[in-house]
Amino acid sequence: MRNLINRLAVGVGICLAIVFCASAVFAVNPATISVTVTIQNLSVSATGPIAFGVVLVSTTTVSVSASTVTNDGNTTETYDIKLTNPAGWTATSGAPGSETYRLSAQFNGSAPTAGSFDADHDLTTTDQTSSGTIFAGGETGLSVAAAATRSLWFKFEAPTSTTVTTEQAITVTVTAAAG
């Protein structure tokens, strides 16, 4: 009799195990997966204008205010920067001359001195990518987090001589690239 009870207990246990296993297998059918995606948005904005006012030929001046450059995108960005010459003047990365000027840019948290600008800060008419040295001061335009801001300061070196004495507008273009 005891043997029969043991066999019955084992049989009931096996039946219960089969029922629970079978119901567990069927309980997860079907399974769903949530797939999400965000489209990369590269976007940058900058404040301005930066006004140097009236300057003398052959003089150097640093802007009294910075342009605030903001990563308006949703990913880390690195900035490419270039300028567009005004009519009558040509940018140079060497010493200014007749009808040539030099405009430099530097990312820095506060106003930099004229001496802190070097050849790595010279703007040209072709895009240059910010790096640990290019346009770098106390800040960089390299790997800027989404929503972060940088202060971009300028140094203007006037032509040694010019026939252009009206206000000139030099366009500086900041383009965001991924990274």
Protein backbone atom coordinates (compact mmCIF):
# COMPACT_ATOMS: atom_id res chain seq x y z
CA MET A 1 0.00 0.00 0.00
CA ARG A 2 2.78 2.31 0.81
CA ASN A 3 4.35 1.49 -2.55
CA LEU A 4 1.09 2.39 -4.29
CA ILE A 5 0.89 5.74 -2.49
CA ASN A 6 4.51 6.53 -3.43
CA ARG A 7 3.83 5.66 -7.06
CA LEU A 8 0.68 7.74 -7.05
CA ALA A 9 2.56 10.72 -5.53
CA VAL A 10 5.31 10.44 -8.16
CA GLY A 11 2.69 10.19 -10.94
CA VAL A 12 0.81 13.25 -9.67
CA GLY A 13 4.12 15.14 -9.40
CA ILE A 14 5.05 14.27 -12.98
CA CYS A 15 1.62 15.32 -14.23
CA LEU A 16 1.84 18.63 -12.38
CA ALA A 17 5.34 19.26 -13.78
CA ILE A 18 4.10 18.59 -17.34
CA VAL A 19 1.12 20.93 -16.89
CA PHE A 20 3.28 23.76 -15.46
CA CYS A 21 5.99 23.39 -18.11
CA ALA A 22 3.49 23.25 -20.95
CA SER A 23 1.62 26.32 -19.67
CA ALA A 24 4.91 28.23 -19.26
CA VAL A 25 5.85 27.53 -22.86
CA PHE A 26 2.51 28.74 -24.18
CA ALA A 27 2.34 31.78 -21.88
CA VAL A 28 5.10 33.70 -23.76
CA ASN A 29 3.78 33.19 -27.25
CA PRO A 30 3.86 35.67 -28.97
CA ALA A 31 6.67 37.90 -27.66
CA THR A 32 6.94 41.57 -28.60
CA ILE A 33 10.00 43.80 -28.97
CA SER A 34 9.85 47.58 -28.83
CA VAL A 35 12.21 49.10 -31.38
CA THR A 36 12.94 52.84 -31.06
CA VAL A 37 14.98 55.17 -33.25
CA THR A 38 15.97 58.85 -33.14
CA ILE A 39 17.13 60.58 -36.29
CA GLN A 40 20.40 62.46 -35.84
CA ASN A 41 19.93 66.22 -35.85
CA LEU A 42 23.02 68.35 -36.46
CA SER A 43 22.21 71.97 -35.68
CA VAL A 44 24.22 74.95 -34.50
CA SER A 45 23.35 78.56 -33.76
CA ALA A 46 25.50 81.59 -33.01
CA THR A 47 24.84 85.06 -31.68
CA GLY A 48 26.03 88.19 -33.41
CA PRO A 49 26.93 90.51 -34.93
CA ILE A 50 30.39 91.17 -33.56
CA ALA A 51 31.16 94.87 -34.10
CA PHE A 52 34.75 96.13 -34.03
CA GLY A 53 33.68 99.70 -34.80
CA VAL A 54 36.09 102.11 -36.48
CA VAL A 55 39.69 100.83 -36.55
CA LEU A 56 42.88 102.34 -37.93
CA VAL A 57 44.95 100.74 -40.69
CA SER A 58 47.72 98.44 -39.45
CA THR A 59 46.07 97.92 -36.04
CA THR A 60 45.02 94.81 -34.17
CA THR A 61 41.95 94.55 -31.98
CA VAL A 62 40.16 91.76 -30.08
CA SER A 63 36.36 91.76 -29.97
CA VAL A 64 34.84 93.15 -26.77
CA SER A 65 32.19 90.42 -26.80
CA ALA A 66 32.01 86.84 -27.95
CA SER A 67 29.56 85.03 -30.17
CA THR A 68 27.80 82.32 -28.19
CA VAL A 69 27.85 79.16 -30.30
CA THR A 70 25.22 76.61 -29.22
CA ASN A 71 24.84 72.96 -30.16
CA ASP A 72 21.11 72.92 -30.96
CA GLY A 73 21.28 69.33 -32.19
CA ASN A 74 20.68 66.05 -30.39
CA THR A 75 24.19 64.61 -30.69
CA THR A 76 27.82 65.57 -30.06
CA GLU A 77 29.11 68.01 -32.67
CA THR A 78 32.45 69.36 -33.90
CA TYR A 79 32.49 72.75 -35.57
CA ASP A 80 33.91 73.65 -38.98
CA ILE A 81 34.54 77.39 -39.40
CA LYS A 82 35.27 79.58 -42.41
CA LEU A 83 34.84 83.18 -43.52
CA THR A 84 33.59 84.97 -46.61
CA ASN A 85 35.55 88.02 -47.75
CA PRO A 86 33.82 91.36 -48.16
CA ALA A 87 34.16 93.12 -51.52
CA GLY A 88 37.54 94.82 -51.79
CA TRP A 89 39.43 92.91 -49.11
CA THR A 90 41.05 89.48 -49.02
CA ALA A 91 41.76 87.41 -45.92
CA THR A 92 45.30 86.27 -45.30
CA SER A 93 46.77 83.86 -42.79
CA GLY A 94 50.02 85.83 -42.93
CA ALA A 95 50.68 89.43 -42.02
CA PRO A 96 48.07 91.85 -43.42
CA GLY A 97 49.05 94.04 -46.34
CA SER A 98 47.40 96.42 -48.74
CA GLU A 99 43.70 95.42 -49.03
CA THR A 100 44.38 92.23 -47.04
CA TYR A 101 43.32 91.55 -43.47
CA ARG A 102 43.55 88.71 -40.96
CA LEU A 103 40.58 87.53 -38.88
CA SER A 104 41.23 84.95 -36.19
CA ALA A 105 38.78 83.04 -33.98
CA GLN A 106 39.27 81.38 -30.59
CA PHE A 107 36.94 79.44 -28.29
CA ASN A 108 37.50 80.75 -24.78
CA GLY A 109 35.39 81.21 -21.65
CA SER A 110 36.52 84.82 -21.20
CA ALA A 111 38.08 87.54 -23.34
CA PRO A 112 41.47 86.34 -24.61
CA THR A 113 44.44 88.65 -25.12
CA ALA A 114 45.65 89.50 -28.62
CA GLY A 115 48.83 87.53 -27.89
CA SER A 116 46.91 84.32 -27.21
CA PHE A 117 45.88 84.04 -30.89
CA ASP A 118 48.28 82.19 -33.19
CA ALA A 119 48.27 80.66 -36.68
CA ASP A 120 45.92 77.87 -35.49
CA HIS A 121 43.23 80.53 -35.02
CA ASP A 122 43.40 82.14 -38.48
CA LEU A 123 40.18 81.94 -40.48
CA THR A 124 40.25 81.17 -44.20
CA THR A 125 37.65 80.91 -46.95
CA THR A 126 37.64 77.10 -46.68
CA ASP A 127 36.19 75.12 -43.78
CA GLN A 128 38.65 74.24 -41.05
CA THR A 129 37.69 71.67 -38.45
CA SER A 130 38.02 72.58 -34.79
CA SER A 131 40.45 70.44 -32.84
CA GLY A 132 42.47 70.48 -29.65
CA THR A 133 44.57 73.24 -31.26
CA ILE A 134 42.56 74.66 -34.19
CA PHE A 135 40.43 77.54 -32.82
CA ALA A 136 41.20 76.28 -29.30
CA GLY A 137 41.72 78.50 -26.28
CA GLY A 138 40.27 77.65 -22.88
CA GLU A 139 37.50 75.86 -24.80
CA THR A 140 37.35 74.00 -28.10
CA GLY A 141 34.83 73.45 -30.86
CA LEU A 142 35.64 69.72 -30.71
CA SER A 143 33.11 67.17 -29.42
CA VAL A 144 30.59 69.69 -28.10
CA ALA A 145 27.73 67.96 -26.25
CA ALA A 146 24.10 68.57 -27.23
CA ALA A 147 22.77 71.83 -25.73
CA ALA A 148 26.29 72.96 -24.73
CA THR A 149 27.58 76.44 -25.55
CA ARG A 150 30.99 77.83 -26.43
CA SER A 151 32.20 81.44 -26.52
CA LEU A 152 33.87 82.34 -29.83
CA TRP A 153 36.12 85.43 -29.74
CA PHE A 154 37.65 87.25 -32.70
CA LYS A 155 40.84 89.17 -33.41
CA PHE A 156 40.92 91.55 -36.38
CA GLU A 157 44.15 92.75 -37.97
CA ALA A 158 43.44 95.65 -40.34
CA PRO A 159 44.99 96.09 -43.79
CA THR A 160 48.18 98.18 -43.89
CA SER A 161 46.47 100.37 -46.47
CA THR A 162 43.04 100.40 -48.10
CA THR A 163 40.78 102.44 -50.32
CA VAL A 164 37.75 100.88 -48.61
CA THR A 165 36.61 103.11 -45.75
CA THR A 166 32.97 102.07 -45.43
CA GLU A 167 31.80 99.44 -42.96
CA GLN A 168 32.72 95.95 -44.16
CA ALA A 169 30.80 92.78 -43.25
CA ILE A 170 32.87 89.62 -42.99
CA THR A 171 30.62 86.58 -42.77
CA VAL A 172 31.85 83.80 -40.47
CA THR A 173 30.12 80.45 -41.03
CA VAL A 174 30.05 77.78 -38.32
CA THR A 175 28.94 74.36 -39.55
CA ALA A 176 28.17 71.40 -37.28
CA ALA A 177 29.55 67.96 -38.10
CA ALA A 178 28.93 64.75 -36.16
CA GLY A 179 31.52 64.03 -33.53
